[in-house]
PDB file of N, CA and C in Angstrom:
ATOM      1  N   GLN A   1     -43.024 -12.070  42.510  1.00  0.00           N
ATOM      2  CA  GLN A   1     -42.293 -11.766  41.288  1.00  0.00           C
ATOM      3  C   GLN A   1     -41.319 -10.622  41.552  1.00  0.00           C
ATOM      4  N   VAL A   2     -40.029 -10.898  41.343  1.00  0.00           N
ATOM      5  CA  VAL A   2     -39.006  -9.891  41.585  1.00  0.00           C
ATOM      6  C   VAL A   2     -39.087  -8.808  40.525  1.00  0.00           C
ATOM      7  N   GLN A   3     -39.122  -7.564  40.978  1.00  0.00           N
ATOM      8  CA  GLN A   3     -39.098  -6.421  40.065  1.00  0.00           C
ATOM      9  C   GLN A   3     -38.098  -5.393  40.551  1.00  0.00           C
ATOM     10  N   LEU A   4     -37.315  -4.888  39.629  1.00  0.00           N
ATOM     11  CA  LEU A   4     -36.347  -3.828  39.890  1.00  0.00           C
ATOM     12  C   LEU A   4     -36.566  -2.752  38.825  1.00  0.00           C
ATOM     13  N   VAL A   5     -36.851  -1.540  39.272  1.00  0.00           N
ATOM     14  CA  VAL A   5     -37.153  -0.458  38.332  1.00  0.00           C
ATOM     15  C   VAL A   5     -36.236   0.724  38.622  1.00  0.00           C
ATOM     16  N   GLU A   6     -35.358   1.003  37.666  1.00  0.00           N
ATOM     17  CA  GLU A   6     -34.410   2.095  37.824  1.00  0.00           C
ATOM     18  C   GLU A   6     -34.974   3.391  37.256  1.00  0.00           C
ATOM     19  N   SER A   7     -34.474   4.493  37.772  1.00  0.00           N
ATOM     20  CA  SER A   7     -34.823   5.806  37.264  1.00  0.00           C
ATOM     21  C   SER A   7     -33.695   6.776  37.583  1.00  0.00           C
ATOM     22  N   GLY A   8     -33.741   7.928  36.928  1.00  0.00           N
ATOM     23  CA  GLY A   8     -32.784   8.976  37.235  1.00  0.00           C
ATOM     24  C   GLY A   8     -31.709   9.204  36.197  1.00  0.00           C
ATOM     25  N   GLY A   9     -31.647   8.350  35.194  1.00  0.00           N
ATOM     26  CA  GLY A   9     -30.632   8.532  34.166  1.00  0.00           C
ATOM     27  C   GLY A   9     -30.912   9.778  33.331  1.00  0.00           C
ATOM     28  N   ALA A  10     -29.845  10.363  32.794  1.00  0.00           N
ATOM     29  CA  ALA A  10     -29.974  11.584  32.001  1.00  0.00           C
ATOM     30  C   ALA A  10     -28.656  11.854  31.304  1.00  0.00           C
ATOM     31  N   SER A  11     -28.656  12.897  30.503  1.00  0.00           N
ATOM     32  CA  SER A  11     -27.422  13.395  29.913  1.00  0.00           C
ATOM     33  C   SER A  11     -26.927  14.549  30.765  1.00  0.00           C
ATOM     34  N   VAL A  12     -25.669  14.490  31.147  1.00  0.00           N
ATOM     35  CA  VAL A  12     -25.121  15.507  32.042  1.00  0.00           C
ATOM     36  C   VAL A  12     -23.716  15.847  31.587  1.00  0.00           C
ATOM     37  N   GLN A  13     -23.316  17.082  31.779  1.00  0.00           N
ATOM     38  CA  GLN A  13     -21.987  17.530  31.376  1.00  0.00           C
ATOM     39  C   GLN A  13     -20.918  16.953  32.287  1.00  0.00           C
ATOM     40  N   PRO A  14     -19.717  16.787  31.780  1.00  0.00           N
ATOM     41  CA  PRO A  14     -18.626  16.311  32.626  1.00  0.00           C
ATOM     42  C   PRO A  14     -18.496  17.164  33.878  1.00  0.00           C
ATOM     43  N   GLY A  15     -18.274  16.493  34.988  1.00  0.00           N
ATOM     44  CA  GLY A  15     -18.195  17.168  36.273  1.00  0.00           C
ATOM     45  C   GLY A  15     -19.516  17.275  36.991  1.00  0.00           C
ATOM     46  N   GLY A  16     -20.583  16.937  36.308  1.00  0.00           N
ATOM     47  CA  GLY A  16     -21.902  17.018  36.899  1.00  0.00           C
ATOM     48  C   GLY A  16     -22.229  15.829  37.786  1.00  0.00           C
ATOM     49  N   SER A  17     -23.440  15.849  38.319  1.00  0.00           N
ATOM     50  CA  SER A  17     -23.881  14.802  39.243  1.00  0.00           C
ATOM     51  C   SER A  17     -25.249  14.280  38.832  1.00  0.00           C
ATOM     52  N   LEU A  18     -25.494  13.038  39.166  1.00  0.00           N
ATOM     53  CA  LEU A  18     -26.804  12.404  38.997  1.00  0.00           C
ATOM     54  C   LEU A  18     -27.042  11.478  40.173  1.00  0.00           C
ATOM     55  N   ARG A  19     -28.318  11.287  40.461  1.00  0.00           N
ATOM     56  CA  ARG A  19     -28.687  10.297  41.474  1.00  0.00           C
ATOM     57  C   ARG A  19     -29.629   9.296  40.839  1.00  0.00           C
ATOM     58  N   LEU A  20     -29.180   8.061  40.784  1.00  0.00           N
ATOM     59  CA  LEU A  20     -30.008   6.986  40.263  1.00  0.00           C
ATOM     60  C   LEU A  20     -30.773   6.326  41.405  1.00  0.00           C
ATOM     61  N   SER A  21     -31.982   5.893  41.108  1.00  0.00           N
ATOM     62  CA  SER A  21     -32.807   5.198  42.087  1.00  0.00           C
ATOM     63  C   SER A  21     -33.245   3.857  41.524  1.00  0.00           C
ATOM     64  N   CYS A  22     -33.450   2.917  42.408  1.00  0.00           N
ATOM     65  CA  CYS A  22     -33.949   1.602  42.023  1.00  0.00           C
ATOM     66  C   CYS A  22     -35.004   1.185  43.027  1.00  0.00           C
ATOM     67  N   ALA A  23     -36.209   0.980  42.539  1.00  0.00           N
ATOM     68  CA  ALA A  23     -37.307   0.520  43.374  1.00  0.00           C
ATOM     69  C   ALA A  23     -37.421  -0.990  43.251  1.00  0.00           C
ATOM     70  N   ALA A  24     -37.370  -1.673  44.383  1.00  0.00           N
ATOM     71  CA  ALA A  24     -37.388  -3.131  44.390  1.00  0.00           C
ATOM     72  C   ALA A  24     -38.683  -3.655  44.981  1.00  0.00           C
ATOM     73  N   SER A  25     -39.152  -4.773  44.467  1.00  0.00           N
ATOM     74  CA  SER A  25     -40.342  -5.409  45.000  1.00  0.00           C
ATOM     75  C   SER A  25     -40.314  -6.894  44.681  1.00  0.00           C
ATOM     76  N   GLY A  26     -41.149  -7.649  45.402  1.00  0.00           N
ATOM     77  CA  GLY A  26     -41.293  -9.066  45.112  1.00  0.00           C
ATOM     78  C   GLY A  26     -40.347  -9.976  45.858  1.00  0.00           C
ATOM     79  N   PHE A  27     -39.549  -9.415  46.754  1.00  0.00           N
ATOM     80  CA  PHE A  27     -38.647 -10.237  47.561  1.00  0.00           C
ATOM     81  C   PHE A  27     -38.377  -9.498  48.862  1.00  0.00           C
ATOM     82  N   SER A  28     -37.742 -10.182  49.791  1.00  0.00           N
ATOM     83  CA  SER A  28     -37.439  -9.596  51.089  1.00  0.00           C
ATOM     84  C   SER A  28     -36.217  -8.697  50.951  1.00  0.00           C
ATOM     85  N   PHE A  29     -36.471  -7.459  50.572  1.00  0.00           N
ATOM     86  CA  PHE A  29     -35.410  -6.514  50.198  1.00  0.00           C
ATOM     87  C   PHE A  29     -34.330  -6.410  51.267  1.00  0.00           C
ATOM     88  N   ARG A  30     -34.734  -6.317  52.512  1.00  0.00           N
ATOM     89  CA  ARG A  30     -33.756  -6.047  53.562  1.00  0.00           C
ATOM     90  C   ARG A  30     -32.824  -7.223  53.826  1.00  0.00           C
ATOM     91  N   THR A  31     -33.087  -8.333  53.143  1.00  0.00           N
ATOM     92  CA  THR A  31     -32.299  -9.545  53.367  1.00  0.00           C
ATOM     93  C   THR A  31     -31.089  -9.655  52.441  1.00  0.00           C
ATOM     94  N   TYR A  32     -31.137  -8.915  51.319  1.00  0.00           N
ATOM     95  CA  TYR A  32     -30.174  -9.162  50.254  1.00  0.00           C
ATOM     96  C   TYR A  32     -29.257  -7.985  49.956  1.00  0.00           C
ATOM     97  N   THR A  33     -28.032  -8.320  49.573  1.00  0.00           N
ATOM     98  CA  THR A  33     -27.112  -7.342  49.034  1.00  0.00           C
ATOM     99  C   THR A  33     -27.639  -6.828  47.695  1.00  0.00           C
ATOM    100  N   MET A  34     -27.565  -5.517  47.524  1.00  0.00           N
ATOM    101  CA  MET A  34     -27.987  -4.892  46.271  1.00  0.00           C
ATOM    102  C   MET A  34     -26.771  -4.329  45.551  1.00  0.00           C
ATOM    103  N   SER A  35     -26.817  -4.380  44.235  1.00  0.00           N
ATOM    104  CA  SER A  35     -25.682  -3.941  43.437  1.00  0.00           C
ATOM    105  C   SER A  35     -26.131  -3.068  42.278  1.00  0.00           C
ATOM    106  N   TRP A  36     -25.212  -2.227  41.843  1.00  0.00           N
ATOM    107  CA  TRP A  36     -25.369  -1.472  40.605  1.00  0.00           C
ATOM    108  C   TRP A  36     -24.312  -1.971  39.614  1.00  0.00           C
ATOM    109  N   TYR A  37     -24.746  -2.182  38.394  1.00  0.00           N
ATOM    110  CA  TYR A  37     -23.872  -2.542  37.294  1.00  0.00           C
ATOM    111  C   TYR A  37     -24.055  -1.508  36.183  1.00  0.00           C
ATOM    112  N   ARG A  38     -23.106  -1.500  35.264  1.00  0.00           N
ATOM    113  CA  ARG A  38     -23.260  -0.651  34.087  1.00  0.00           C
ATOM    114  C   ARG A  38     -22.694  -1.374  32.864  1.00  0.00           C
ATOM    115  N   GLN A  39     -23.236  -0.985  31.720  1.00  0.00           N
ATOM    116  CA  GLN A  39     -22.738  -1.535  30.463  1.00  0.00           C
ATOM    117  C   GLN A  39     -22.642  -0.409  29.449  1.00  0.00           C
ATOM    118  N   ALA A  40     -21.419  -0.156  29.026  1.00  0.00           N
ATOM    119  CA  ALA A  40     -21.170   0.856  28.015  1.00  0.00           C
ATOM    120  C   ALA A  40     -21.260   0.226  26.634  1.00  0.00           C
ATOM    121  N   PRO A  41     -21.520   1.018  25.611  1.00  0.00           N
ATOM    122  CA  PRO A  41     -21.625   0.476  24.251  1.00  0.00           C
ATOM    123  C   PRO A  41     -20.369  -0.289  23.859  1.00  0.00           C
ATOM    124  N   GLY A  42     -20.560  -1.510  23.395  1.00  0.00           N
ATOM    125  CA  GLY A  42     -19.443  -2.312  22.935  1.00  0.00           C
ATOM    126  C   GLY A  42     -18.570  -2.904  24.021  1.00  0.00           C
ATOM    127  N   LYS A  43     -18.998  -2.760  25.284  1.00  0.00           N
ATOM    128  CA  LYS A  43     -18.202  -3.272  26.390  1.00  0.00           C
ATOM    129  C   LYS A  43     -19.021  -4.254  27.205  1.00  0.00           C
ATOM    130  N   GLU A  44     -18.307  -5.039  27.999  1.00  0.00           N
ATOM    131  CA  GLU A  44     -18.993  -5.988  28.874  1.00  0.00           C
ATOM    132  C   GLU A  44     -19.592  -5.251  30.076  1.00  0.00           C
ATOM    133  N   ARG A  45     -20.624  -5.861  30.621  1.00  0.00           N
ATOM    134  CA  ARG A  45     -21.220  -5.313  31.833  1.00  0.00           C
ATOM    135  C   ARG A  45     -20.212  -5.375  32.967  1.00  0.00           C
ATOM    136  N   GLU A  46     -20.139  -4.315  33.765  1.00  0.00           N
ATOM    137  CA  GLU A  46     -19.236  -4.302  34.901  1.00  0.00           C
ATOM    138  C   GLU A  46     -19.984  -3.889  36.163  1.00  0.00           C
ATOM    139  N   LYS A  47     -19.526  -4.444  37.255  1.00  0.00           N
ATOM    140  CA  LYS A  47     -20.102  -4.105  38.555  1.00  0.00           C
ATOM    141  C   LYS A  47     -19.530  -2.770  39.010  1.00  0.00           C
ATOM    142  N   VAL A  48     -20.410  -1.900  39.482  1.00  0.00           N
ATOM    143  CA  VAL A  48     -20.007  -0.557  39.895  1.00  0.00           C
ATOM    144  C   VAL A  48     -19.923  -0.447  41.415  1.00  0.00           C
ATOM    145  N   ALA A  49     -20.953  -0.948  42.097  1.00  0.00           N
ATOM    146  CA  ALA A  49     -21.009  -0.810  43.545  1.00  0.00           C
ATOM    147  C   ALA A  49     -21.984  -1.824  44.112  1.00  0.00           C
ATOM    148  N   SER A  50     -21.780  -2.163  45.376  1.00  0.00           N
ATOM    149  CA  SER A  50     -22.724  -3.038  46.060  1.00  0.00           C
ATOM    150  C   SER A  50     -22.816  -2.623  47.513  1.00  0.00           C
ATOM    151  N   ILE A  51     -23.957  -2.956  48.123  1.00  0.00           N
ATOM    152  CA  ILE A  51     -24.181  -2.622  49.528  1.00  0.00           C
ATOM    153  C   ILE A  51     -24.863  -3.804  50.194  1.00  0.00           C
ATOM    154  N   ALA A  52     -24.335  -4.183  51.338  1.00  0.00           N
ATOM    155  CA  ALA A  52     -24.859  -5.338  52.055  1.00  0.00           C
ATOM    156  C   ALA A  52     -26.256  -5.057  52.596  1.00  0.00           C
ATOM    157  N   ALA A  53     -26.910  -6.126  53.051  1.00  0.00           N
ATOM    158  CA  ALA A  53     -28.302  -6.040  53.467  1.00  0.00           C
ATOM    159  C   ALA A  53     -28.488  -5.157  54.693  1.00  0.00           C
ATOM    160  N   VAL A  54     -27.611  -5.287  55.624  1.00  0.00           N
ATOM    161  CA  VAL A  54     -27.752  -4.561  56.883  1.00  0.00           C
ATOM    162  C   VAL A  54     -27.022  -3.237  56.796  1.00  0.00           C
ATOM    163  N   VAL A  55     -27.697  -2.168  57.199  1.00  0.00           N
ATOM    164  CA  VAL A  55     -27.094  -0.831  57.179  1.00  0.00           C
ATOM    165  C   VAL A  55     -26.777  -0.421  58.610  1.00  0.00           C
ATOM    166  N   PRO A  56     -25.562   0.072  58.912  1.00  0.00           N
ATOM    167  CA  PRO A  56     -24.430   0.149  57.986  1.00  0.00           C
ATOM    168  C   PRO A  56     -23.831  -1.225  57.739  1.00  0.00           C
ATOM    169  N   GLY A  57     -23.448  -1.449  56.530  1.00  0.00           N
ATOM    170  CA  GLY A  57     -22.916  -2.739  56.151  1.00  0.00           C
ATOM    171  C   GLY A  57     -21.797  -2.592  55.158  1.00  0.00           C
ATOM    172  N   GLN A  58     -21.361  -3.721  54.693  1.00  0.00           N
ATOM    173  CA  GLN A  58     -20.232  -3.732  53.776  1.00  0.00           C
ATOM    174  C   GLN A  58     -20.611  -3.074  52.462  1.00  0.00           C
ATOM    175  N   ILE A  59     -19.768  -2.174  52.012  1.00  0.00           N
ATOM    176  CA  ILE A  59     -19.965  -1.478  50.746  1.00  0.00           C
ATOM    177  C   ILE A  59     -18.725  -1.680  49.898  1.00  0.00           C
ATOM    178  N   TRP A  60     -18.953  -1.905  48.631  1.00  0.00           N
ATOM    179  CA  TRP A  60     -17.849  -2.129  47.686  1.00  0.00           C
ATOM    180  C   TRP A  60     -18.031  -1.224  46.487  1.00  0.00           C
ATOM    181  N   TYR A  61     -16.897  -0.694  45.987  1.00  0.00           N
ATOM    182  CA  TYR A  61     -16.908   0.139  44.782  1.00  0.00           C
ATOM    183  C   TYR A  61     -15.845  -0.348  43.815  1.00  0.00           C
ATOM    184  N   ALA A  62     -16.153  -0.236  42.547  1.00  0.00           N
ATOM    185  CA  ALA A  62     -15.128  -0.442  41.538  1.00  0.00           C
ATOM    186  C   ALA A  62     -14.102   0.685  41.648  1.00  0.00           C
ATOM    187  N   ASP A  63     -12.865   0.379  41.359  1.00  0.00           N
ATOM    188  CA  ASP A  63     -11.810   1.390  41.443  1.00  0.00           C
ATOM    189  C   ASP A  63     -12.119   2.606  40.577  1.00  0.00           C
ATOM    190  N   SER A  64     -12.784   2.376  39.467  1.00  0.00           N
ATOM    191  CA  SER A  64     -13.056   3.460  38.516  1.00  0.00           C
ATOM    192  C   SER A  64     -14.033   4.501  39.055  1.00  0.00           C
ATOM    193  N   VAL A  65     -14.793   4.140  40.087  1.00  0.00           N
ATOM    194  CA  VAL A  65     -15.789   5.088  40.623  1.00  0.00           C
ATOM    195  C   VAL A  65     -15.531   5.448  42.074  1.00  0.00           C
ATOM    196  N   LYS A  66     -14.547   4.814  42.675  1.00  0.00           N
ATOM    197  CA  LYS A  66     -14.266   5.049  44.095  1.00  0.00           C
ATOM    198  C   LYS A  66     -13.950   6.519  44.328  1.00  0.00           C
ATOM    199  N   GLY A  67     -14.592   7.110  45.341  1.00  0.00           N
ATOM    200  CA  GLY A  67     -14.391   8.512  45.646  1.00  0.00           C
ATOM    201  C   GLY A  67     -15.324   9.439  44.898  1.00  0.00           C
ATOM    202  N   ARG A  68     -16.047   8.897  43.908  1.00  0.00           N
ATOM    203  CA  ARG A  68     -16.988   9.742  43.139  1.00  0.00           C
ATOM    204  C   ARG A  68     -18.436   9.269  43.288  1.00  0.00           C
ATOM    205  N   PHE A  69     -18.643   7.988  43.426  1.00  0.00           N
ATOM    206  CA  PHE A  69     -19.989   7.415  43.537  1.00  0.00           C
ATOM    207  C   PHE A  69     -20.261   6.975  44.973  1.00  0.00           C
ATOM    208  N   ILE A  70     -21.521   7.080  45.368  1.00  0.00           N
ATOM    209  CA  ILE A  70     -21.937   6.636  46.698  1.00  0.00           C
ATOM    210  C   ILE A  70     -23.199   5.795  46.553  1.00  0.00           C
ATOM    211  N   ILE A  71     -23.134   4.565  47.031  1.00  0.00           N
ATOM    212  CA  ILE A  71     -24.310   3.701  47.028  1.00  0.00           C
ATOM    213  C   ILE A  71     -24.964   3.754  48.408  1.00  0.00           C
ATOM    214  N   SER A  72     -26.281   3.724  48.410  1.00  0.00           N
ATOM    215  CA  SER A  72     -27.007   3.727  49.678  1.00  0.00           C
ATOM    216  C   SER A  72     -28.322   2.978  49.478  1.00  0.00           C
ATOM    217  N   ARG A  73     -28.956   2.657  50.580  1.00  0.00           N
ATOM    218  CA  ARG A  73     -30.226   1.946  50.514  1.00  0.00           C
ATOM    219  C   ARG A  73     -31.143   2.416  51.626  1.00  0.00           C
ATOM    220  N   ASP A  74     -32.433   2.277  51.384  1.00  0.00           N
ATOM    221  CA  ASP A  74     -33.463   2.573  52.370  1.00  0.00           C
ATOM    222  C   ASP A  74     -34.314   1.317  52.497  1.00  0.00           C
ATOM    223  N   ASN A  75     -34.061   0.548  53.511  1.00  0.00           N
ATOM    224  CA  ASN A  75     -34.768  -0.722  53.676  1.00  0.00           C
ATOM    225  C   ASN A  75     -36.249  -0.519  53.976  1.00  0.00           C
ATOM    226  N   ALA A  76     -36.619   0.627  54.531  1.00  0.00           N
ATOM    227  CA  ALA A  76     -38.033   0.894  54.818  1.00  0.00           C
ATOM    228  C   ALA A  76     -38.825   1.149  53.536  1.00  0.00           C
ATOM    229  N   ARG A  77     -38.138   1.626  52.507  1.00  0.00           N
ATOM    230  CA  ARG A  77     -38.802   1.958  51.254  1.00  0.00           C
ATOM    231  C   ARG A  77     -38.450   1.011  50.120  1.00  0.00           C
ATOM    232  N   ASN A  78     -37.628   0.015  50.414  1.00  0.00           N
ATOM    233  CA  ASN A  78     -37.187  -0.929  49.375  1.00  0.00           C
ATOM    234  C   ASN A  78     -36.530  -0.202  48.204  1.00  0.00           C
ATOM    235  N   MET A  79     -35.637   0.715  48.526  1.00  0.00           N
ATOM    236  CA  MET A  79     -34.967   1.520  47.507  1.00  0.00           C
ATOM    237  C   MET A  79     -33.456   1.406  47.660  1.00  0.00           C
ATOM    238  N   VAL A  80     -32.784   1.433  46.523  1.00  0.00           N
ATOM    239  CA  VAL A  80     -31.330   1.540  46.518  1.00  0.00           C
ATOM    240  C   VAL A  80     -30.968   2.688  45.582  1.00  0.00           C
ATOM    241  N   TYR A  81     -29.928   3.434  45.952  1.00  0.00           N
ATOM    242  CA  TYR A  81     -29.559   4.644  45.232  1.00  0.00           C
ATOM    243  C   TYR A  81     -28.091   4.591  44.816  1.00  0.00           C
ATOM    244  N   LEU A  82     -27.797   5.354  43.793  1.00  0.00           N
ATOM    245  CA  LEU A  82     -26.409   5.545  43.386  1.00  0.00           C
ATOM    246  C   LEU A  82     -26.217   7.030  43.105  1.00  0.00           C
ATOM    247  N   GLN A  83     -25.536   7.693  44.019  1.00  0.00           N
ATOM    248  CA  GLN A  83     -25.186   9.099  43.836  1.00  0.00           C
ATOM    249  C   GLN A  83     -23.885   9.142  43.044  1.00  0.00           C
ATOM    250  N   MET A  84     -23.920   9.802  41.905  1.00  0.00           N
ATOM    251  CA  MET A  84     -22.755   9.847  41.020  1.00  0.00           C
ATOM    252  C   MET A  84     -22.297  11.288  40.900  1.00  0.00           C
ATOM    253  N   ASN A  85     -21.093  11.548  41.334  1.00  0.00           N
ATOM    254  CA  ASN A  85     -20.522  12.892  41.318  1.00  0.00           C
ATOM    255  C   ASN A  85     -19.321  12.944  40.386  1.00  0.00           C
ATOM    256  N   ASN A  86     -18.974  14.149  39.974  1.00  0.00           N
ATOM    257  CA  ASN A  86     -17.821  14.344  39.099  1.00  0.00           C
ATOM    258  C   ASN A  86     -17.840  13.363  37.925  1.00  0.00           C
ATOM    259  N   LEU A  87     -18.945  13.344  37.234  1.00  0.00           N
ATOM    260  CA  LEU A  87     -19.119  12.390  36.147  1.00  0.00           C
ATOM    261  C   LEU A  87     -18.158  12.657  35.001  1.00  0.00           C
ATOM    262  N   LYS A  88     -17.720  11.578  34.388  1.00  0.00           N
ATOM    263  CA  LYS A  88     -16.761  11.633  33.293  1.00  0.00           C
ATOM    264  C   LYS A  88     -17.368  10.976  32.048  1.00  0.00           C
ATOM    265  N   PRO A  89     -16.862  11.309  30.869  1.00  0.00           N
ATOM    266  CA  PRO A  89     -17.389  10.661  29.662  1.00  0.00           C
ATOM    267  C   PRO A  89     -17.343   9.140  29.740  1.00  0.00           C
ATOM    268  N   GLU A  90     -16.346   8.592  30.399  1.00  0.00           N
ATOM    269  CA  GLU A  90     -16.240   7.135  30.493  1.00  0.00           C
ATOM    270  C   GLU A  90     -17.287   6.518  31.416  1.00  0.00           C
ATOM    271  N   ASP A  91     -18.080   7.350  32.084  1.00  0.00           N
ATOM    272  CA  ASP A  91     -19.188   6.842  32.889  1.00  0.00           C
ATOM    273  C   ASP A  91     -20.444   6.612  32.048  1.00  0.00           C
ATOM    274  N   THR A  92     -20.403   7.013  30.789  1.00  0.00           N
ATOM    275  CA  THR A  92     -21.544   6.807  29.907  1.00  0.00           C
ATOM    276  C   THR A  92     -21.851   5.321  29.785  1.00  0.00           C
ATOM    277  N   ALA A  93     -23.094   4.954  30.105  1.00  0.00           N
ATOM    278  CA  ALA A  93     -23.484   3.544  30.098  1.00  0.00           C
ATOM    279  C   ALA A  93     -24.959   3.428  30.471  1.00  0.00           C
ATOM    280  N   VAL A  94     -25.486   2.229  30.310  1.00  0.00           N
ATOM    281  CA  VAL A  94     -26.782   1.893  30.885  1.00  0.00           C
ATOM    282  C   VAL A  94     -26.514   1.302  32.270  1.00  0.00           C
ATOM    283  N   TYR A  95     -27.132   1.890  33.267  1.00  0.00           N
ATOM    284  CA  TYR A  95     -26.933   1.471  34.646  1.00  0.00           C
ATOM    285  C   TYR A  95     -28.140   0.638  35.102  1.00  0.00           C
ATOM    286  N   SER A  96     -27.832  -0.506  35.706  1.00  0.00           N
ATOM    287  CA  SER A  96     -28.889  -1.409  36.165  1.00  0.00           C
ATOM    288  C   SER A  96     -28.654  -1.790  37.608  1.00  0.00           C
ATOM    289  N   CYS A  97     -29.713  -1.899  38.352  1.00  0.00           N
ATOM    290  CA  CYS A  97     -29.577  -2.464  39.681  1.00  0.00           C
ATOM    291  C   CYS A  97     -29.848  -3.960  39.606  1.00  0.00           C
ATOM    292  N   SER A  98     -29.328  -4.661  40.587  1.00  0.00           N
ATOM    293  CA  SER A  98     -29.366  -6.115  40.509  1.00  0.00           C
ATOM    294  C   SER A  98     -29.377  -6.718  41.899  1.00  0.00           C
ATOM    295  N   VAL A  99     -29.992  -7.880  41.993  1.00  0.00           N
ATOM    296  CA  VAL A  99     -29.985  -8.633  43.236  1.00  0.00           C
ATOM    297  C   VAL A  99     -29.776 -10.100  42.899  1.00  0.00           C
ATOM    298  N   LEU A 100     -28.938 -10.731  43.718  1.00  0.00           N
ATOM    299  CA  LEU A 100     -28.699 -12.161  43.565  1.00  0.00           C
ATOM    300  C   LEU A 100     -29.521 -12.874  44.621  1.00  0.00           C
ATOM    301  N   ILE A 101     -30.572 -13.545  44.160  1.00  0.00           N
ATOM    302  CA  ILE A 101     -31.366 -14.373  45.066  1.00  0.00           C
ATOM    303  C   ILE A 101     -30.952 -15.781  44.726  1.00  0.00           C
ATOM    304  N   PRO A 102     -29.972 -16.271  45.421  1.00  0.00           N
ATOM    305  CA  PRO A 102     -28.954 -17.147  44.807  1.00  0.00           C
ATOM    306  C   PRO A 102     -29.437 -18.512  44.382  1.00  0.00           C
ATOM    307  N   PRO A 103     -29.143 -18.882  43.165  1.00  0.00           N
ATOM    308  CA  PRO A 103     -29.323 -17.996  41.997  1.00  0.00           C
ATOM    309  C   PRO A 103     -30.786 -18.023  41.571  1.00  0.00           C
ATOM    310  N   PRO A 104     -31.266 -17.277  40.691  1.00  0.00           N
ATOM    311  CA  PRO A 104     -30.506 -16.504  39.702  1.00  0.00           C
ATOM    312  C   PRO A 104     -30.284 -15.074  40.159  1.00  0.00           C
ATOM    313  N   ARG A 105     -29.612 -14.332  39.296  1.00  0.00           N
ATOM    314  CA  ARG A 105     -29.461 -12.910  39.518  1.00  0.00           C
ATOM    315  C   ARG A 105     -30.546 -12.192  38.705  1.00  0.00           C
ATOM    316  N   PHE A 106     -31.196 -11.238  39.360  1.00  0.00           N
ATOM    317  CA  PHE A 106     -32.256 -10.471  38.718  1.00  0.00           C
ATOM    318  C   PHE A 106     -31.734  -9.079  38.353  1.00  0.00           C
ATOM    319  N   TRP A 107     -32.272  -8.543  37.271  1.00  0.00           N
ATOM    320  CA  TRP A 107     -31.859  -7.240  36.749  1.00  0.00           C
ATOM    321  C   TRP A 107     -33.055  -6.353  36.482  1.00  0.00           C
ATOM    322  N   GLY A 108     -32.826  -5.042  36.633  1.00  0.00           N
ATOM    323  CA  GLY A 108     -33.806  -4.096  36.159  1.00  0.00           C
ATOM    324  C   GLY A 108     -33.605  -3.842  34.683  1.00  0.00           C
ATOM    325  N   GLN A 109     -34.444  -2.960  34.128  1.00  0.00           N
ATOM    326  CA  GLN A 109     -34.368  -2.688  32.699  1.00  0.00           C
ATOM    327  C   GLN A 109     -33.244  -1.714  32.375  1.00  0.00           C
ATOM    328  N   GLY A 110     -32.754  -1.020  33.387  1.00  0.00           N
ATOM    329  CA  GLY A 110     -31.648  -0.094  33.186  1.00  0.00           C
ATOM    330  C   GLY A 110     -32.100   1.329  32.933  1.00  0.00           C
ATOM    331  N   THR A 111     -31.183   2.253  33.199  1.00  0.00           N
ATOM    332  CA  THR A 111     -31.422   3.662  32.941  1.00  0.00           C
ATOM    333  C   THR A 111     -30.158   4.241  32.307  1.00  0.00           C
ATOM    334  N   GLN A 112     -30.323   5.050  31.280  1.00  0.00           N
ATOM    335  CA  GLN A 112     -29.197   5.527  30.491  1.00  0.00           C
ATOM    336  C   GLN A 112     -28.570   6.763  31.113  1.00  0.00           C
ATOM    337  N   VAL A 113     -27.268   6.718  31.248  1.00  0.00           N
ATOM    338  CA  VAL A 113     -26.485   7.880  31.680  1.00  0.00           C
ATOM    339  C   VAL A 113     -25.540   8.238  30.549  1.00  0.00           C
ATOM    340  N   ALA A 114     -25.576   9.493  30.144  1.00  0.00           N
ATOM    341  CA  ALA A 114     -24.715   9.958  29.056  1.00  0.00           C
ATOM    342  C   ALA A 114     -23.925  11.167  29.527  1.00  0.00           C
ATOM    343  N   VAL A 115     -22.612  11.091  29.355  1.00  0.00           N
ATOM    344  CA  VAL A 115     -21.723  12.194  29.717  1.00  0.00           C
ATOM    345  C   VAL A 115     -20.914  12.518  28.470  1.00  0.00           C
ATOM    346  N   PRO A 116     -21.324  13.516  27.718  1.00  0.00           N
ATOM    347  CA  PRO A 116     -20.634  13.807  26.458  1.00  0.00           C
ATOM    348  C   PRO A 116     -19.223  14.320  26.693  1.00  0.00           C
ATOM    349  N   SER A 117     -18.347  13.965  25.781  1.00  0.00           N
ATOM    350  CA  SER A 117     -16.960  14.425  25.911  1.00  0.00           C
ATOM    351  C   SER A 117     -16.769  15.774  25.253  1.00  0.00           C
TER     352      SER A 117
END
């Protein structure tokens, strides 16, 4: 049974940093690309970052977070991380980690990040 459990969300002032974590289980973690998505109130879910199965591997960032966010993974611990720096109010959203075990795509329950303006 695939499980993804996020943690690390909080309220932080603009310019601050947070590190989100996602603990994965129930599948061969080191085999799959892992992704972070976010959904802000009233907006569609958007992909934030992804990291390929093999480290070092292909990493992708949305333009809106490029240069501020860093995705990483620890295949020995079945963990994926999202280091978020220089946070802005527009980063406020529920952040979820996700894996495509093709198909379907699995999601965690999400963790809330709030950056007040």
